[in-house]
Amino acid sequence: MAGHTAKTDRRTKKTTRARRSPAARAAHRVLLMVATRKGAWLFHGDGARRNFRADGPHFLGHTIHHVVLDPRDRRTLLATARTGHLGPVIFRSTDLGRSWKEAAKPPAFAKVAEGEKDRAVDHTFWLTPGRPQEPGLWYAGTSPQGLFRSLDGGISWEPFSYINDDPQFRAWMGTVQDGTPDGPKLHSIIVDPRDANHLYFGMSGGAVHESTDGGRTFRTLIKGLEVVEGFDRANPMFHDPHCIRLCPSNPDRLYQQNHCGIYRLDRPGDEWLRIGKSMPKRVGDIGFPLVVHPRDADTVWVFPMDGSTVWPRTSPEGRPAAYLTRNGGRSWQRLDAGLPKGQAWWTVKRQAMAADGHDPVGLYFGNTGGELWASRDEGRRWNCIARHLPEIYAVETAER
């Protein structure tokens, strides 16, 4: 991790929030990419983020897990789809969704020797573009867990690194086959913006892993993380990260929403700190999504769910709310203005909450009830901008 330790002092400094003029903000229109159980929608917002125009459905009837705009050209879209007749595919658009083409070679596990048990990709779950200096590079995580890479902008994909077939990783991957409703996931693929060789990913289940040599080797990052009572926390197979995020303003800090709480990790340290302990006891710190402020590493939003007893996967007490910390997790504030005050039995999935880059930051989430919500003031007030969509799996933002 040489080169990272020299920047440790930056962890304690907040990035100055430079306010843009109204004209400058209006020049950056927001695009929301919404993936659902029965198709994808694009919502084009104006510069003030008051009005959104719906474009869709795309791929009506197909299960779409993720839609991402390439930040390097701001016109290429990738969408992961699972269709009844085609199986798991990736679609690509170079004109902001006006037309789509199927990837020539989607992610697929390598063939095994005769007599050995083969694995097949059920669906591609997560997409991450490479750094600005690496045009055409994408990473993908699948279910069952696999890590793949494309070097041609998403047209063709190959297995990446050794982990897909490594006996140790394969042993860690097999723990929640029956626990995750639609299968175990490899997700939260992160590329350090300072170093293309520095990678992270999470497996549900199977823990958090880090490489500093471009994927040739990985090590686990589970120190300080809790597991379900009665299981061995030293064994990666019992760890279930839900969502991991790197701070845009300080790449030496990561946050994690885990099956067993909310955590923060400050590098070069390797021990996670459970910051969810300061959440209200009746709400708890169990959930799936987590969003980090684009310019302030101390500011994070989560959306907790009811994680008690049988895990109903609904908002606690039927009263949904986001929670905000502005001090790295020492304290949390409830943000529910505009949200239902009761009898709202939905939740928010791990990819279904995102932020834009405006000032103040805009927040967006989609829920399992097919509603898309937005806040123009960092969560202080929420407005529903779309209803009656299929169950929402993912929400991503981009500025146009």
Protein backbone atom coordinates (compact mmCIF):
# COMPACT_ATOMS: atom_id res chain seq x y z
CA MET A 1 0.00 0.00 0.00
CA ALA A 2 2.98 2.26 -0.49
CA GLY A 3 1.87 5.67 -1.66
CA HIS A 4 -1.41 5.46 0.26
CA THR A 5 0.03 5.94 3.72
CA ALA A 6 1.54 9.27 2.77
CA LYS A 7 -1.97 10.64 2.35
CA THR A 8 -3.28 9.50 5.72
CA ASP A 9 -3.50 13.04 7.10
CA ARG A 10 -6.09 13.88 4.44
CA ARG A 11 -8.62 11.68 6.22
CA THR A 12 -9.14 14.33 8.85
CA LYS A 13 -9.73 17.15 6.40
CA LYS A 14 -13.08 17.91 4.85
CA THR A 15 -13.07 19.01 1.26
CA THR A 16 -14.24 22.59 0.85
CA ARG A 17 -17.70 22.69 -0.67
CA ALA A 18 -17.43 25.12 -3.54
CA ARG A 19 -20.90 26.36 -4.39
CA ARG A 20 -21.73 26.60 -8.05
CA SER A 21 -23.88 29.40 -9.43
CA PRO A 22 -27.48 28.59 -10.47
CA ALA A 23 -26.42 28.89 -14.11
CA ALA A 24 -23.58 26.43 -13.61
CA ARG A 25 -25.87 23.98 -11.84
CA ALA A 26 -28.48 24.25 -14.59
CA ALA A 27 -25.86 23.27 -17.15
CA HIS A 28 -25.61 19.85 -15.50
CA ARG A 29 -28.79 17.90 -16.04
CA VAL A 30 -29.32 14.76 -14.01
CA LEU A 31 -29.91 11.36 -15.58
CA LEU A 32 -31.42 8.62 -13.41
CA MET A 33 -30.98 5.02 -14.55
CA VAL A 34 -33.55 2.74 -12.94
CA ALA A 35 -33.31 -1.06 -13.15
CA THR A 36 -36.37 -3.09 -12.20
CA ARG A 37 -37.70 -6.62 -12.10
CA LYS A 38 -39.50 -6.07 -15.41
CA GLY A 39 -37.42 -3.58 -17.40
CA ALA A 40 -35.40 -0.36 -17.23
CA TRP A 41 -36.32 3.32 -17.23
CA LEU A 42 -34.28 6.48 -17.80
CA PHE A 43 -35.43 9.66 -16.08
CA HIS A 44 -34.05 12.90 -17.54
CA GLY A 45 -34.05 15.74 -15.03
CA ASP A 46 -33.73 19.44 -15.66
CA GLY A 47 -30.87 21.45 -14.17
CA ALA A 48 -32.99 22.45 -11.18
CA ARG A 49 -33.93 18.79 -10.56
CA ARG A 50 -37.61 19.76 -10.27
CA ASN A 51 -38.95 17.94 -13.32
CA PHE A 52 -38.05 14.51 -14.66
CA ARG A 53 -39.04 13.07 -18.04
CA ALA A 54 -39.54 9.31 -18.13
CA ASP A 55 -37.98 7.33 -20.99
CA GLY A 56 -39.07 3.71 -20.95
CA PRO A 57 -39.66 0.97 -20.45
CA HIS A 58 -36.59 -0.52 -22.05
CA PHE A 59 -36.48 -4.34 -22.15
CA LEU A 60 -40.03 -4.66 -20.81
CA GLY A 61 -40.45 -7.99 -19.06
CA HIS A 62 -36.72 -8.65 -18.66
CA THR A 63 -35.13 -8.64 -15.22
CA ILE A 64 -32.65 -5.73 -15.20
CA HIS A 65 -30.21 -5.66 -12.29
CA HIS A 66 -28.02 -2.67 -13.17
CA VAL A 67 -27.85 0.18 -15.70
CA VAL A 68 -24.73 2.38 -15.74
CA LEU A 69 -23.63 5.30 -17.92
CA ASP A 70 -19.95 5.34 -18.89
CA PRO A 71 -18.60 8.50 -17.18
CA ARG A 72 -15.75 8.67 -19.68
CA ASP A 73 -17.90 9.47 -22.72
CA ARG A 74 -21.30 10.24 -21.10
CA ARG A 75 -23.21 8.51 -23.87
CA THR A 76 -22.53 4.76 -23.57
CA LEU A 77 -24.95 2.78 -21.41
CA LEU A 78 -24.56 -0.80 -20.22
CA ALA A 79 -27.53 -2.77 -18.88
CA THR A 80 -27.43 -6.22 -17.34
CA ALA A 81 -30.43 -8.36 -18.22
CA ARG A 82 -31.79 -11.79 -17.52
CA THR A 83 -34.30 -12.86 -20.11
CA GLY A 84 -36.48 -15.90 -20.38
CA HIS A 85 -35.21 -16.96 -23.79
CA LEU A 86 -31.70 -15.49 -23.91
CA GLY A 87 -30.59 -16.11 -20.34
CA PRO A 88 -28.07 -13.67 -18.81
CA VAL A 89 -26.98 -10.97 -21.27
CA ILE A 90 -25.53 -7.47 -21.28
CA PHE A 91 -26.98 -4.82 -23.57
CA ARG A 92 -25.02 -1.80 -24.79
CA SER A 93 -26.17 1.56 -26.14
CA THR A 94 -23.93 4.28 -27.56
CA ASP A 95 -26.77 6.80 -28.03
CA LEU A 96 -28.23 7.13 -24.51
CA GLY A 97 -30.72 4.34 -24.93
CA ARG A 98 -32.23 5.16 -28.30
CA SER A 99 -30.91 1.84 -29.59
CA TRP A 100 -29.36 -1.21 -27.93
CA LYS A 101 -27.14 -4.10 -29.01
CA GLU A 102 -26.54 -7.34 -27.20
CA ALA A 103 -22.95 -7.96 -26.05
CA ALA A 104 -21.20 -10.36 -28.40
CA LYS A 105 -19.74 -12.31 -25.48
CA PRO A 106 -21.38 -11.84 -22.05
CA PRO A 107 -19.78 -12.98 -18.79
CA ALA A 108 -19.50 -16.78 -18.63
CA PHE A 109 -17.49 -19.11 -16.45
CA ALA A 110 -14.65 -21.06 -18.05
CA LYS A 111 -15.45 -24.58 -19.19
CA VAL A 112 -14.31 -27.28 -16.78
CA ALA A 113 -12.76 -30.64 -17.47
CA GLU A 114 -15.06 -33.52 -18.30
CA GLY A 115 -16.48 -35.09 -15.17
CA GLU A 116 -16.16 -31.89 -13.07
CA LYS A 117 -19.17 -29.85 -11.98
CA ASP A 118 -19.77 -26.88 -14.25
CA ARG A 119 -21.04 -23.46 -13.15
CA ALA A 120 -23.29 -21.16 -15.15
CA VAL A 121 -23.89 -17.42 -14.70
CA ASP A 122 -27.50 -16.88 -13.61
CA HIS A 123 -27.30 -13.09 -13.98
CA THR A 124 -24.81 -10.25 -14.05
CA PHE A 125 -25.47 -8.21 -10.94
CA TRP A 126 -22.94 -5.35 -10.77
CA LEU A 127 -21.14 -3.11 -13.27
CA THR A 128 -18.17 -0.81 -12.57
CA PRO A 129 -16.39 1.29 -15.21
CA GLY A 130 -12.61 1.66 -15.13
CA ARG A 131 -10.78 4.90 -14.41
CA PRO A 132 -10.82 7.86 -16.83
CA GLN A 133 -7.32 6.84 -17.99
CA GLU A 134 -8.65 3.40 -19.04
CA PRO A 135 -11.29 3.89 -21.76
CA GLY A 136 -13.18 0.74 -22.60
CA LEU A 137 -12.41 -1.03 -19.31
CA TRP A 138 -15.35 -2.41 -17.30
CA TYR A 139 -15.70 -4.88 -14.43
CA ALA A 140 -18.73 -7.06 -13.71
CA GLY A 141 -19.85 -9.16 -10.75
CA THR A 142 -22.25 -12.06 -11.19
CA SER A 143 -24.49 -14.53 -9.41
CA PRO A 144 -23.27 -17.10 -8.55
CA GLN A 145 -20.18 -15.16 -7.54
CA GLY A 146 -17.78 -14.39 -10.35
CA LEU A 147 -15.53 -11.51 -11.38
CA PHE A 148 -15.27 -10.52 -15.06
CA ARG A 149 -13.67 -7.80 -17.16
CA SER A 150 -14.23 -6.17 -20.55
CA LEU A 151 -11.54 -4.24 -22.42
CA ASP A 152 -13.71 -3.15 -25.35
CA GLY A 153 -16.45 -1.12 -23.71
CA GLY A 154 -18.66 -4.03 -22.73
CA ILE A 155 -18.83 -5.86 -26.06
CA SER A 156 -16.95 -8.94 -24.88
CA TRP A 157 -16.19 -10.25 -21.39
CA GLU A 158 -13.64 -12.63 -19.92
CA PRO A 159 -13.11 -14.06 -16.42
CA PHE A 160 -10.85 -11.74 -14.44
CA SER A 161 -8.29 -12.80 -11.85
CA TYR A 162 -8.06 -16.30 -10.42
CA ILE A 163 -10.89 -16.15 -7.92
CA ASN A 164 -13.66 -17.69 -10.05
CA ASP A 165 -11.99 -21.11 -9.97
CA ASP A 166 -9.79 -20.88 -6.89
CA PRO A 167 -10.69 -23.69 -4.42
CA GLN A 168 -10.46 -21.38 -1.41
CA PHE A 169 -12.67 -18.68 -2.94
CA ARG A 170 -15.11 -21.31 -4.19
CA ALA A 171 -15.45 -22.61 -0.62
CA TRP A 172 -16.21 -19.10 0.65
CA MET A 173 -18.79 -18.54 -2.11
CA GLY A 174 -21.09 -21.37 -1.14
CA THR A 175 -22.54 -20.13 2.12
CA VAL A 176 -25.73 -18.19 1.28
CA GLN A 177 -26.99 -20.03 -1.75
CA ASP A 178 -30.32 -20.40 0.03
CA GLY A 179 -30.16 -17.16 2.03
CA THR A 180 -30.04 -14.48 -0.66
CA PRO A 181 -33.47 -14.53 -2.34
CA ASP A 182 -32.26 -14.63 -5.95
CA GLY A 183 -28.82 -16.11 -5.37
CA PRO A 184 -25.42 -15.09 -3.96
CA LYS A 185 -23.72 -12.00 -5.42
CA LEU A 186 -20.30 -10.58 -6.20
CA HIS A 187 -20.79 -6.84 -5.90
CA SER A 188 -19.28 -3.50 -4.85
CA ILE A 189 -16.40 -3.69 -7.33
CA ILE A 190 -14.25 -0.66 -6.53
CA VAL A 191 -11.23 0.74 -8.37
CA ASP A 192 -9.01 3.14 -6.43
CA PRO A 193 -9.04 6.37 -8.47
CA ARG A 194 -5.33 6.85 -7.72
CA ASP A 195 -4.14 3.35 -8.60
CA ALA A 196 -5.57 0.96 -11.20
CA ASN A 197 -3.94 -1.98 -9.41
CA HIS A 198 -5.82 -1.32 -6.19
CA LEU A 199 -9.20 -3.10 -6.23
CA TYR A 200 -11.92 -4.10 -3.78
CA PHE A 201 -15.01 -6.27 -4.04
CA GLY A 202 -17.57 -7.87 -1.76
CA MET A 203 -19.30 -11.24 -1.86
CA SER A 204 -22.66 -12.04 -0.32
CA GLY A 205 -21.65 -14.29 1.23
CA GLY A 206 -17.91 -14.59 1.25
CA ALA A 207 -16.52 -11.36 2.74
CA VAL A 208 -14.64 -8.28 1.53
CA HIS A 209 -11.45 -8.66 -0.52
CA GLU A 210 -8.65 -6.34 -1.65
CA SER A 211 -5.94 -6.52 -4.30
CA THR A 212 -2.95 -4.19 -4.64
CA ASP A 213 -1.42 -5.98 -7.63
CA GLY A 214 -4.11 -5.62 -10.26
CA GLY A 215 -6.02 -8.76 -9.32
CA ARG A 216 -3.15 -11.24 -9.30
CA THR A 217 -3.78 -11.81 -5.59
CA PHE A 218 -6.48 -10.82 -3.10
CA ARG A 219 -6.60 -10.71 0.69
CA THR A 220 -9.62 -10.60 2.95
CA LEU A 221 -10.62 -7.50 4.91
CA ILE A 222 -12.85 -8.82 7.71
CA LYS A 223 -11.13 -7.65 10.87
CA GLY A 224 -13.66 -5.97 13.17
CA LEU A 225 -16.70 -7.23 11.25
CA GLU A 226 -19.35 -9.20 13.13
CA VAL A 227 -21.21 -12.28 11.92
CA VAL A 228 -24.46 -13.96 12.86
CA GLU A 229 -24.30 -15.29 16.41
CA GLY A 230 -22.96 -18.81 16.62
CA PHE A 231 -20.72 -18.60 13.55
CA ASP A 232 -16.95 -18.13 13.36
CA ARG A 233 -16.07 -14.53 12.46
CA ALA A 234 -12.54 -15.62 11.50
CA ASN A 235 -13.95 -17.62 8.59
CA PRO A 236 -14.70 -15.46 5.50
CA MET A 237 -17.52 -17.75 4.43
CA PHE A 238 -19.74 -16.44 7.23
CA HIS A 239 -19.37 -12.76 6.30
CA ASP A 240 -22.09 -11.06 4.28
CA PRO A 241 -21.28 -7.51 3.11
CA HIS A 242 -24.33 -5.86 1.54
CA CYS A 243 -22.75 -2.74 0.04
CA ILE A 244 -19.26 -1.19 0.15
CA ARG A 245 -18.49 2.39 -0.90
CA LEU A 246 -15.23 4.29 -1.33
CA CYS A 247 -15.28 7.99 -0.42
CA PRO A 248 -14.85 10.09 -3.59
CA SER A 249 -13.20 12.89 -1.61
CA ASN A 250 -10.91 10.59 0.38
CA PRO A 251 -10.06 7.20 -1.20
CA ASP A 252 -8.41 6.13 2.05
CA ARG A 253 -11.83 5.74 3.64
CA LEU A 254 -14.48 3.09 2.98
CA TYR A 255 -17.94 2.55 4.40
CA GLN A 256 -19.86 -0.70 4.48
CA GLN A 257 -23.47 -1.69 5.05
CA ASN A 258 -23.24 -5.26 6.27
CA HIS A 259 -25.65 -8.03 7.23
CA CYS A 260 -24.43 -7.27 10.77
CA GLY A 261 -24.24 -3.47 10.91
CA ILE A 262 -22.75 -0.30 9.42
CA TYR A 263 -18.95 0.05 9.39
CA ARG A 264 -16.13 2.45 8.48
CA LEU A 265 -12.57 1.60 7.48
CA ASP A 266 -9.73 4.13 7.43
CA ARG A 267 -6.63 3.05 5.55
CA PRO A 268 -3.85 2.10 5.95
CA GLY A 269 -5.65 0.39 8.85
CA ASP A 270 -7.34 -2.94 8.24
CA GLU A 271 -9.94 -3.04 11.04
CA TRP A 272 -13.54 -2.02 10.42
CA LEU A 273 -15.26 0.14 13.07
CA ARG A 274 -18.96 -0.50 13.65
CA ILE A 275 -20.43 3.00 13.45
CA GLY A 276 -24.01 1.69 13.33
CA LYS A 277 -24.00 1.20 17.11
CA SER A 278 -24.99 4.87 17.42
CA MET A 279 -28.17 4.37 15.38
CA PRO A 280 -31.47 4.43 17.35
CA LYS A 281 -31.93 1.06 19.04
CA ARG A 282 -35.50 0.58 17.83
CA VAL A 283 -34.35 1.07 14.23
CA GLY A 284 -31.01 -0.74 14.31
CA ASP A 285 -28.25 -0.63 11.71
CA ILE A 286 -29.32 -3.37 9.32
CA GLY A 287 -30.04 -2.51 5.70
CA PHE A 288 -28.71 -2.71 2.17
CA PRO A 289 -27.88 0.66 0.50
CA LEU A 290 -25.26 3.19 1.55
CA VAL A 291 -24.37 6.49 -0.14
CA VAL A 292 -21.34 8.71 0.51
CA HIS A 293 -21.29 12.48 -0.06
CA PRO A 294 -19.24 13.26 -3.19
CA ARG A 295 -17.22 16.01 -1.44
CA ASP A 296 -17.34 15.22 2.29
CA ALA A 297 -15.97 11.91 3.59
CA ASP A 298 -17.75 12.34 6.94
CA THR A 299 -21.24 12.51 5.39
CA VAL A 300 -23.10 9.26 4.66
CA TRP A 301 -26.72 8.21 4.13
CA VAL A 302 -28.22 4.77 4.80
CA PHE A 303 -31.74 3.37 4.54
CA PRO A 304 -32.34 0.83 7.33
CA MET A 305 -34.79 -2.04 7.16
CA ASP A 306 -36.36 -4.34 9.70
CA GLY A 307 -33.63 -6.90 10.37
CA SER A 308 -35.28 -8.56 13.35
CA THR A 309 -36.37 -12.18 13.78
CA VAL A 310 -37.34 -13.52 10.34
CA TRP A 311 -35.94 -10.55 8.38
CA PRO A 312 -39.20 -9.27 6.84
CA ARG A 313 -37.17 -6.87 4.64
CA THR A 314 -39.56 -3.97 5.20
CA SER A 315 -39.12 -0.50 6.69
CA PRO A 316 -38.98 -0.64 10.50
CA GLU A 317 -42.54 -0.37 11.89
CA GLY A 318 -43.74 0.49 8.38
CA ARG A 319 -42.24 3.98 8.73
CA PRO A 320 -39.47 4.40 6.12
CA ALA A 321 -36.68 6.92 6.57
CA ALA A 322 -33.14 7.61 5.50
CA TYR A 323 -30.53 8.26 8.18
CA LEU A 324 -27.68 10.74 7.85
CA THR A 325 -24.36 11.15 9.62
CA ARG A 326 -22.15 14.20 9.16
CA ASN A 327 -19.42 13.08 11.56
CA GLY A 328 -18.30 9.74 10.22
CA GLY A 329 -20.90 7.74 12.13
CA ARG A 330 -20.66 9.15 15.65
CA SER A 331 -24.31 10.27 15.46
CA TRP A 332 -27.23 9.86 13.04
CA GLN A 333 -30.22 12.00 12.04
CA ARG A 334 -33.57 10.69 10.81
CA LEU A 335 -34.71 12.10 7.44
CA ASP A 336 -38.36 11.32 6.74
CA ALA A 337 -40.03 14.59 5.69
CA GLY A 338 -42.31 13.82 2.76
CA LEU A 339 -42.11 10.04 3.22
CA PRO A 340 -45.11 8.00 4.41
CA LYS A 341 -45.71 8.23 8.15
CA GLY A 342 -46.98 4.67 8.45
CA GLN A 343 -48.23 1.53 6.70
CA ALA A 344 -45.39 1.68 4.13
CA TRP A 345 -44.06 -1.87 4.13
CA TRP A 346 -41.30 -1.57 1.53
CA THR A 347 -37.54 -1.37 1.61
CA VAL A 348 -34.60 -0.25 -0.55
CA LYS A 349 -32.17 -2.69 -2.15
CA ARG A 350 -28.37 -2.39 -2.09
CA GLN A 351 -27.99 -0.69 -5.50
CA ALA A 352 -31.18 1.35 -5.33
CA MET A 353 -29.96 4.55 -3.66
CA ALA A 354 -27.62 7.13 -5.23
CA ALA A 355 -26.46 10.75 -5.09
CA ASP A 356 -25.75 13.37 -7.72
CA GLY A 357 -22.88 15.87 -7.70
CA HIS A 358 -24.89 19.06 -7.23
CA ASP A 359 -24.62 21.42 -4.28
CA PRO A 360 -26.68 20.73 -2.28
CA VAL A 361 -26.44 17.07 -3.14
CA GLY A 362 -29.47 15.39 -4.64
CA LEU A 363 -30.45 11.95 -3.33
CA TYR A 364 -32.55 9.33 -5.09
CA PHE A 365 -33.87 5.93 -4.16
CA GLY A 366 -36.21 3.34 -5.58
CA ASN A 367 -38.14 0.91 -3.42
CA THR A 368 -39.53 -2.58 -3.61
CA GLY A 369 -43.00 -1.05 -4.10
CA GLY A 370 -42.01 0.46 -7.45
CA GLU A 371 -41.72 4.08 -6.29
CA LEU A 372 -38.87 6.45 -7.20
CA TRP A 373 -38.12 9.16 -4.64
CA ALA A 374 -35.89 12.25 -4.84
CA SER A 375 -34.51 14.94 -2.55
CA ARG A 376 -32.91 18.16 -3.80
CA ASP A 377 -31.59 19.12 -0.35
CA GLU A 378 -29.55 16.17 0.90
CA GLY A 379 -32.52 14.30 2.32
CA ARG A 380 -34.21 17.04 4.31
CA ARG A 381 -37.34 16.74 2.12
CA TRP A 382 -38.43 13.87 -0.15
CA ASN A 383 -40.72 13.85 -3.17
CA CYS A 384 -42.03 10.87 -5.14
CA ILE A 385 -41.23 11.36 -8.82
CA ALA A 386 -42.56 8.04 -10.17
CA ARG A 387 -45.05 5.43 -8.98
CA HIS A 388 -46.30 2.04 -10.12
CA LEU A 389 -43.00 0.85 -11.58
CA PRO A 390 -42.02 -2.79 -11.10
CA GLU A 391 -39.91 -3.63 -8.06
CA ILE A 392 -36.79 -1.43 -8.28
CA TYR A 393 -33.43 -3.18 -8.13
CA ALA A 394 -30.98 -0.34 -8.82
CA VAL A 395 -30.79 3.45 -9.22
CA GLU A 396 -27.72 5.17 -10.68
CA THR A 397 -27.12 8.85 -11.42
CA ALA A 398 -25.10 10.76 -13.98
CA GLU A 399 -24.76 14.39 -14.96
CA ARG A 400 -25.24 15.36 -18.57
